[in-house]
Amino acid sequence: MTISVQYFAILREQRGLTEERLNTAATTPAALYEELKARHAFSLPSNRIRAAINDEFVAPTALLREGDRVVFIPPVAGG
């Protein structure tokens, strides 16, 4: 299926993009993150990442559908 993925913070830095469309066989955000982590050598483990599908935070096991927009949000620090 084809989906859009947005990256923030360290993931954007490591990927070198803020957004991309891609084809994937992953059916959940967790599986998609693992696929992308292997492909792009992301440094954060999946348990440190939050995912949103179409602007709603979801569980790592939520189902992905054709055309979804997935956002991966790493932990942020600030003050």
PDB file of N, CA and C in Angstrom:
ATOM      1  N   MET A   1       0.837  -1.169   0.000  1.00  0.00           N
ATOM      2  CA  MET A   1       0.000   0.000   0.000  1.00  0.00           C
ATOM      3  C   MET A   1       0.885   1.235   0.000  1.00  0.00           C
ATOM      4  N   THR A   2       0.327   2.348  -0.415  1.00  0.00           N
ATOM      5  CA  THR A   2       1.053   3.610  -0.441  1.00  0.00           C
ATOM      6  C   THR A   2       0.549   4.493   0.692  1.00  0.00           C
ATOM      7  N   ILE A   3       1.494   4.999   1.467  1.00  0.00           N
ATOM      8  CA  ILE A   3       1.164   5.883   2.590  1.00  0.00           C
ATOM      9  C   ILE A   3       2.132   7.069   2.589  1.00  0.00           C
ATOM     10  N   SER A   4       1.780   8.095   3.349  1.00  0.00           N
ATOM     11  CA  SER A   4       2.676   9.234   3.576  1.00  0.00           C
ATOM     12  C   SER A   4       3.235   9.114   4.983  1.00  0.00           C
ATOM     13  N   VAL A   5       4.500   9.448   5.125  1.00  0.00           N
ATOM     14  CA  VAL A   5       5.143   9.415   6.434  1.00  0.00           C
ATOM     15  C   VAL A   5       5.771  10.771   6.688  1.00  0.00           C
ATOM     16  N   GLN A   6       5.544  11.308   7.884  1.00  0.00           N
ATOM     17  CA  GLN A   6       6.177  12.554   8.304  1.00  0.00           C
ATOM     18  C   GLN A   6       7.144  12.256   9.435  1.00  0.00           C
ATOM     19  N   TYR A   7       8.263  12.973   9.416  1.00  0.00           N
ATOM     20  CA  TYR A   7       9.291  12.793  10.435  1.00  0.00           C
ATOM     21  C   TYR A   7       9.512  14.104  11.176  1.00  0.00           C
ATOM     22  N   PHE A   8       9.795  14.009  12.476  1.00  0.00           N
ATOM     23  CA  PHE A   8      10.083  15.172  13.294  1.00  0.00           C
ATOM     24  C   PHE A   8      11.386  14.966  14.054  1.00  0.00           C
ATOM     25  N   ALA A   9      12.007  16.075  14.440  1.00  0.00           N
ATOM     26  CA  ALA A   9      13.176  16.101  15.320  1.00  0.00           C
ATOM     27  C   ALA A   9      14.293  15.197  14.801  1.00  0.00           C
ATOM     28  N   ILE A  10      14.800  14.313  15.642  1.00  0.00           N
ATOM     29  CA  ILE A  10      15.945  13.489  15.273  1.00  0.00           C
ATOM     30  C   ILE A  10      15.651  12.577  14.083  1.00  0.00           C
ATOM     31  N   LEU A  11      14.417  12.117  13.955  1.00  0.00           N
ATOM     32  CA  LEU A  11      14.085  11.271  12.802  1.00  0.00           C
ATOM     33  C   LEU A  11      14.198  12.061  11.504  1.00  0.00           C
ATOM     34  N   ARG A  12      13.772  13.311  11.517  1.00  0.00           N
ATOM     35  CA  ARG A  12      13.899  14.165  10.331  1.00  0.00           C
ATOM     36  C   ARG A  12      15.378  14.374  10.011  1.00  0.00           C
ATOM     37  N   GLU A  13      16.183  14.603  11.031  1.00  0.00           N
ATOM     38  CA  GLU A  13      17.620  14.789  10.810  1.00  0.00           C
ATOM     39  C   GLU A  13      18.256  13.535  10.234  1.00  0.00           C
ATOM     40  N   GLN A  14      17.923  12.377  10.788  1.00  0.00           N
ATOM     41  CA  GLN A  14      18.527  11.135  10.330  1.00  0.00           C
ATOM     42  C   GLN A  14      18.043  10.742   8.937  1.00  0.00           C
ATOM     43  N   ARG A  15      16.790  11.048   8.620  1.00  0.00           N
ATOM     44  CA  ARG A  15      16.250  10.712   7.303  1.00  0.00           C
ATOM     45  C   ARG A  15      16.627  11.752   6.256  1.00  0.00           C
ATOM     46  N   GLY A  16      16.755  12.999   6.679  1.00  0.00           N
ATOM     47  CA  GLY A  16      17.067  14.060   5.731  1.00  0.00           C
ATOM     48  C   GLY A  16      15.847  14.567   4.981  1.00  0.00           C
ATOM     49  N   LEU A  17      14.669  14.192   5.432  1.00  0.00           N
ATOM     50  CA  LEU A  17      13.406  14.620   4.830  1.00  0.00           C
ATOM     51  C   LEU A  17      12.398  14.896   5.932  1.00  0.00           C
ATOM     52  N   THR A  18      11.426  15.745   5.630  1.00  0.00           N
ATOM     53  CA  THR A  18      10.337  15.945   6.574  1.00  0.00           C
ATOM     54  C   THR A  18       9.155  15.051   6.248  1.00  0.00           C
ATOM     55  N   GLU A  19       9.028  14.662   4.979  1.00  0.00           N
ATOM     56  CA  GLU A  19       7.883  13.845   4.572  1.00  0.00           C
ATOM     57  C   GLU A  19       8.229  13.065   3.312  1.00  0.00           C
ATOM     58  N   GLU A  20       7.623  11.897   3.177  1.00  0.00           N
ATOM     59  CA  GLU A  20       7.776  11.110   1.957  1.00  0.00           C
ATOM     60  C   GLU A  20       6.579  10.195   1.773  1.00  0.00           C
ATOM     61  N   ARG A  21       6.324   9.834   0.528  1.00  0.00           N
ATOM     62  CA  ARG A  21       5.313   8.824   0.203  1.00  0.00           C
ATOM     63  C   ARG A  21       6.082   7.557  -0.121  1.00  0.00           C
ATOM     64  N   LEU A  22       5.572   6.437   0.360  1.00  0.00           N
ATOM     65  CA  LEU A  22       6.263   5.177   0.095  1.00  0.00           C
ATOM     66  C   LEU A  22       5.289   4.015   0.031  1.00  0.00           C
ATOM     67  N   ASN A  23       5.760   2.972  -0.592  1.00  0.00           N
ATOM     68  CA  ASN A  23       5.015   1.713  -0.643  1.00  0.00           C
ATOM     69  C   ASN A  23       5.548   0.815   0.456  1.00  0.00           C
ATOM     70  N   THR A  24       4.636   0.144   1.145  1.00  0.00           N
ATOM     71  CA  THR A  24       5.031  -0.722   2.250  1.00  0.00           C
ATOM     72  C   THR A  24       4.086  -1.911   2.352  1.00  0.00           C
ATOM     73  N   ALA A  25       4.601  -2.975   2.897  1.00  0.00           N
ATOM     74  CA  ALA A  25       3.768  -4.131   3.226  1.00  0.00           C
ATOM     75  C   ALA A  25       3.430  -4.136   4.713  1.00  0.00           C
ATOM     76  N   ALA A  26       3.971  -3.160   5.464  1.00  0.00           N
ATOM     77  CA  ALA A  26       3.708  -3.072   6.907  1.00  0.00           C
ATOM     78  C   ALA A  26       2.222  -2.812   7.139  1.00  0.00           C
ATOM     79  N   THR A  27       1.684  -3.428   8.169  1.00  0.00           N
ATOM     80  CA  THR A  27       0.254  -3.277   8.459  1.00  0.00           C
ATOM     81  C   THR A  27      -0.016  -2.488   9.736  1.00  0.00           C
ATOM     82  N   THR A  28       1.036  -2.157  10.485  1.00  0.00           N
ATOM     83  CA  THR A  28       0.890  -1.398  11.732  1.00  0.00           C
ATOM     84  C   THR A  28       1.986  -0.333  11.799  1.00  0.00           C
ATOM     85  N   PRO A  29       1.785   0.703  12.612  1.00  0.00           N
ATOM     86  CA  PRO A  29       2.855   1.684  12.790  1.00  0.00           C
ATOM     87  C   PRO A  29       4.146   1.058  13.338  1.00  0.00           C
ATOM     88  N   ALA A  30       4.018   0.102  14.241  1.00  0.00           N
ATOM     89  CA  ALA A  30       5.206  -0.546  14.798  1.00  0.00           C
ATOM     90  C   ALA A  30       6.003  -1.261  13.709  1.00  0.00           C
ATOM     91  N   ALA A  31       5.316  -1.990  12.861  1.00  0.00           N
ATOM     92  CA  ALA A  31       5.993  -2.697  11.772  1.00  0.00           C
ATOM     93  C   ALA A  31       6.591  -1.716  10.771  1.00  0.00           C
ATOM     94  N   LEU A  32       5.881  -0.634  10.501  1.00  0.00           N
ATOM     95  CA  LEU A  32       6.388   0.376   9.575  1.00  0.00           C
ATOM     96  C   LEU A  32       7.635   1.032  10.152  1.00  0.00           C
ATOM     97  N   TYR A  33       7.618   1.380  11.434  1.00  0.00           N
ATOM     98  CA  TYR A  33       8.797   2.002  12.032  1.00  0.00           C
ATOM     99  C   TYR A  33       9.994   1.051  11.964  1.00  0.00           C
ATOM    100  N   GLU A  34       9.782  -0.222  12.265  1.00  0.00           N
ATOM    101  CA  GLU A  34      10.894  -1.180  12.196  1.00  0.00           C
ATOM    102  C   GLU A  34      11.448  -1.281  10.773  1.00  0.00           C
ATOM    103  N   GLU A  35      10.565  -1.264   9.790  1.00  0.00           N
ATOM    104  CA  GLU A  35      10.999  -1.288   8.382  1.00  0.00           C
ATOM    105  C   GLU A  35      11.838  -0.043   8.064  1.00  0.00           C
ATOM    106  N   LEU A  36      11.348   1.115   8.479  1.00  0.00           N
ATOM    107  CA  LEU A  36      12.061   2.360   8.205  1.00  0.00           C
ATOM    108  C   LEU A  36      13.346   2.465   9.015  1.00  0.00           C
ATOM    109  N   LYS A  37      13.327   1.961  10.228  1.00  0.00           N
ATOM    110  CA  LYS A  37      14.529   1.967  11.069  1.00  0.00           C
ATOM    111  C   LYS A  37      15.646   1.163  10.408  1.00  0.00           C
ATOM    112  N   ALA A  38      15.302   0.011   9.868  1.00  0.00           N
ATOM    113  CA  ALA A  38      16.293  -0.820   9.183  1.00  0.00           C
ATOM    114  C   ALA A  38      16.779  -0.150   7.894  1.00  0.00           C
ATOM    115  N   ARG A  39      15.871   0.471   7.177  1.00  0.00           N
ATOM    116  CA  ARG A  39      16.200   1.100   5.890  1.00  0.00           C
ATOM    117  C   ARG A  39      17.054   2.352   6.070  1.00  0.00           C
ATOM    118  N   HIS A  40      16.760   3.157   7.102  1.00  0.00           N
ATOM    119  CA  HIS A  40      17.403   4.462   7.252  1.00  0.00           C
ATOM    120  C   HIS A  40      18.324   4.552   8.469  1.00  0.00           C
ATOM    121  N   ALA A  41      18.525   3.463   9.169  1.00  0.00           N
ATOM    122  CA  ALA A  41      19.419   3.404  10.337  1.00  0.00           C
ATOM    123  C   ALA A  41      19.019   4.395  11.429  1.00  0.00           C
ATOM    124  N   PHE A  42      17.708   4.478  11.702  1.00  0.00           N
ATOM    125  CA  PHE A  42      17.246   5.327  12.803  1.00  0.00           C
ATOM    126  C   PHE A  42      17.840   4.812  14.106  1.00  0.00           C
ATOM    127  N   SER A  43      18.214   5.729  14.984  1.00  0.00           N
ATOM    128  CA  SER A  43      18.898   5.338  16.220  1.00  0.00           C
ATOM    129  C   SER A  43      17.945   5.034  17.376  1.00  0.00           C
ATOM    130  N   LEU A  44      16.712   5.523  17.310  1.00  0.00           N
ATOM    131  CA  LEU A  44      15.790   5.321  18.434  1.00  0.00           C
ATOM    132  C   LEU A  44      15.064   3.984  18.351  1.00  0.00           C
ATOM    133  N   PRO A  45      14.949   3.291  19.483  1.00  0.00           N
ATOM    134  CA  PRO A  45      14.160   2.048  19.489  1.00  0.00           C
ATOM    135  C   PRO A  45      12.666   2.376  19.363  1.00  0.00           C
ATOM    136  N   SER A  46      11.908   1.432  18.893  1.00  0.00           N
ATOM    137  CA  SER A  46      10.486   1.662  18.636  1.00  0.00           C
ATOM    138  C   SER A  46       9.702   2.021  19.897  1.00  0.00           C
ATOM    139  N   ASN A  47      10.146   1.557  21.052  1.00  0.00           N
ATOM    140  CA  ASN A  47       9.405   1.870  22.281  1.00  0.00           C
ATOM    141  C   ASN A  47       9.575   3.323  22.730  1.00  0.00           C
ATOM    142  N   ARG A  48      10.404   4.102  22.036  1.00  0.00           N
ATOM    143  CA  ARG A  48      10.587   5.519  22.343  1.00  0.00           C
ATOM    144  C   ARG A  48       9.819   6.423  21.376  1.00  0.00           C
ATOM    145  N   ILE A  49       9.126   5.829  20.420  1.00  0.00           N
ATOM    146  CA  ILE A  49       8.440   6.576  19.357  1.00  0.00           C
ATOM    147  C   ILE A  49       6.933   6.522  19.554  1.00  0.00           C
ATOM    148  N   ARG A  50       6.264   7.662  19.377  1.00  0.00           N
ATOM    149  CA  ARG A  50       4.796   7.698  19.329  1.00  0.00           C
ATOM    150  C   ARG A  50       4.390   7.797  17.873  1.00  0.00           C
ATOM    151  N   ALA A  51       3.252   7.233  17.539  1.00  0.00           N
ATOM    152  CA  ALA A  51       2.760   7.291  16.167  1.00  0.00           C
ATOM    153  C   ALA A  51       1.362   7.884  16.136  1.00  0.00           C
ATOM    154  N   ALA A  52       1.093   8.602  15.076  1.00  0.00           N
ATOM    155  CA  ALA A  52      -0.248   9.117  14.817  1.00  0.00           C
ATOM    156  C   ALA A  52      -0.612   8.738  13.385  1.00  0.00           C
ATOM    157  N   ILE A  53      -1.861   8.381  13.201  1.00  0.00           N
ATOM    158  CA  ILE A  53      -2.389   8.114  11.862  1.00  0.00           C
ATOM    159  C   ILE A  53      -3.483   9.133  11.612  1.00  0.00           C
ATOM    160  N   ASN A  54      -3.334   9.859  10.528  1.00  0.00           N
ATOM    161  CA  ASN A  54      -4.333  10.864  10.137  1.00  0.00           C
ATOM    162  C   ASN A  54      -4.688  11.786  11.299  1.00  0.00           C
ATOM    163  N   ASP A  55      -3.660  12.301  11.964  1.00  0.00           N
ATOM    164  CA  ASP A  55      -3.783  13.300  13.035  1.00  0.00           C
ATOM    165  C   ASP A  55      -4.325  12.773  14.359  1.00  0.00           C
ATOM    166  N   GLU A  56      -4.342  11.472  14.563  1.00  0.00           N
ATOM    167  CA  GLU A  56      -4.778  10.910  15.844  1.00  0.00           C
ATOM    168  C   GLU A  56      -3.720   9.947  16.367  1.00  0.00           C
ATOM    169  N   PHE A  57      -3.305  10.156  17.634  1.00  0.00           N
ATOM    170  CA  PHE A  57      -2.375   9.212  18.228  1.00  0.00           C
ATOM    171  C   PHE A  57      -3.018   7.833  18.260  1.00  0.00           C
ATOM    172  N   VAL A  58      -2.211   6.811  17.976  1.00  0.00           N
ATOM    173  CA  VAL A  58      -2.717   5.443  17.911  1.00  0.00           C
ATOM    174  C   VAL A  58      -1.771   4.497  18.642  1.00  0.00           C
ATOM    175  N   ALA A  59      -2.276   3.325  18.933  1.00  0.00           N
ATOM    176  CA  ALA A  59      -1.446   2.259  19.498  1.00  0.00           C
ATOM    177  C   ALA A  59      -0.492   1.751  18.414  1.00  0.00           C
ATOM    178  N   PRO A  60       0.645   1.210  18.817  1.00  0.00           N
ATOM    179  CA  PRO A  60       1.592   0.675  17.835  1.00  0.00           C
ATOM    180  C   PRO A  60       1.000  -0.441  16.966  1.00  0.00           C
ATOM    181  N   THR A  61      -0.087  -1.036  17.441  1.00  0.00           N
ATOM    182  CA  THR A  61      -0.697  -2.157  16.719  1.00  0.00           C
ATOM    183  C   THR A  61      -1.911  -1.753  15.879  1.00  0.00           C
ATOM    184  N   ALA A  62      -2.187  -0.446  15.791  1.00  0.00           N
ATOM    185  CA  ALA A  62      -3.310   0.017  14.959  1.00  0.00           C
ATOM    186  C   ALA A  62      -3.071  -0.396  13.509  1.00  0.00           C
ATOM    187  N   LEU A  63      -4.146  -0.596  12.778  1.00  0.00           N
ATOM    188  CA  LEU A  63      -4.015  -1.021  11.385  1.00  0.00           C
ATOM    189  C   LEU A  63      -3.836   0.157  10.450  1.00  0.00           C
ATOM    190  N   LEU A  64      -2.889   0.005   9.522  1.00  0.00           N
ATOM    191  CA  LEU A  64      -2.669   1.001   8.475  1.00  0.00           C
ATOM    192  C   LEU A  64      -3.557   0.687   7.284  1.00  0.00           C
ATOM    193  N   ARG A  65      -3.952   1.751   6.582  1.00  0.00           N
ATOM    194  CA  ARG A  65      -4.770   1.600   5.370  1.00  0.00           C
ATOM    195  C   ARG A  65      -4.169   2.417   4.237  1.00  0.00           C
ATOM    196  N   GLU A  66      -4.483   2.036   3.038  1.00  0.00           N
ATOM    197  CA  GLU A  66      -4.055   2.757   1.841  1.00  0.00           C
ATOM    198  C   GLU A  66      -4.340   4.251   2.003  1.00  0.00           C
ATOM    199  N   GLY A  67      -3.325   5.071   1.704  1.00  0.00           N
ATOM    200  CA  GLY A  67      -3.495   6.510   1.738  1.00  0.00           C
ATOM    201  C   GLY A  67      -3.332   7.167   3.100  1.00  0.00           C
ATOM    202  N   ASP A  68      -3.107   6.385   4.158  1.00  0.00           N
ATOM    203  CA  ASP A  68      -2.937   6.967   5.491  1.00  0.00           C
ATOM    204  C   ASP A  68      -1.731   7.904   5.536  1.00  0.00           C
ATOM    205  N   ARG A  69      -1.787   8.864   6.460  1.00  0.00           N
ATOM    206  CA  ARG A  69      -0.659   9.728   6.759  1.00  0.00           C
ATOM    207  C   ARG A  69      -0.187   9.365   8.156  1.00  0.00           C
ATOM    208  N   VAL A  70       1.020   8.872   8.236  1.00  0.00           N
ATOM    209  CA  VAL A  70       1.598   8.418   9.499  1.00  0.00           C
ATOM    210  C   VAL A  70       2.660   9.421   9.940  1.00  0.00           C
ATOM    211  N   VAL A  71       2.596   9.790  11.200  1.00  0.00           N
ATOM    212  CA  VAL A  71       3.575  10.698  11.782  1.00  0.00           C
ATOM    213  C   VAL A  71       4.275   9.947  12.911  1.00  0.00           C
ATOM    214  N   PHE A  72       5.604   9.944  12.864  1.00  0.00           N
ATOM    215  CA  PHE A  72       6.391   9.366  13.940  1.00  0.00           C
ATOM    216  C   PHE A  72       6.979  10.500  14.766  1.00  0.00           C
ATOM    217  N   ILE A  73       6.725  10.474  16.073  1.00  0.00           N
ATOM    218  CA  ILE A  73       7.142  11.554  16.953  1.00  0.00           C
ATOM    219  C   ILE A  73       8.086  10.988  18.015  1.00  0.00           C
ATOM    220  N   PRO A  74       9.348  11.397  17.961  1.00  0.00           N
ATOM    221  CA  PRO A  74      10.300  10.950  18.980  1.00  0.00           C
ATOM    222  C   PRO A  74      10.120  11.768  20.261  1.00  0.00           C
ATOM    223  N   PRO A  75      10.725  11.326  21.342  1.00  0.00           N
ATOM    224  CA  PRO A  75      10.657  12.113  22.575  1.00  0.00           C
ATOM    225  C   PRO A  75      11.336  13.468  22.348  1.00  0.00           C
ATOM    226  N   VAL A  76      10.793  14.484  22.972  1.00  0.00           N
ATOM    227  CA  VAL A  76      11.373  15.809  22.829  1.00  0.00           C
ATOM    228  C   VAL A  76      11.779  16.342  24.193  1.00  0.00           C
ATOM    229  N   ALA A  77      12.795  17.132  24.204  1.00  0.00           N
ATOM    230  CA  ALA A  77      13.256  17.766  25.443  1.00  0.00           C
ATOM    231  C   ALA A  77      13.228  19.265  25.223  1.00  0.00           C
ATOM    232  N   GLY A  78      13.084  19.971  26.239  1.00  0.00           N
ATOM    233  CA  GLY A  78      13.095  21.423  26.096  1.00  0.00           C
ATOM    234  C   GLY A  78      12.956  22.079  27.448  1.00  0.00           C
ATOM    235  N   GLY A  79      13.007  23.347  27.419  1.00  0.00           N
ATOM    236  CA  GLY A  79      12.882  24.037  28.680  1.00  0.00           C
ATOM    237  C   GLY A  79      12.617  25.504  28.470  1.00  0.00           C
TER     238      GLY A  79
END
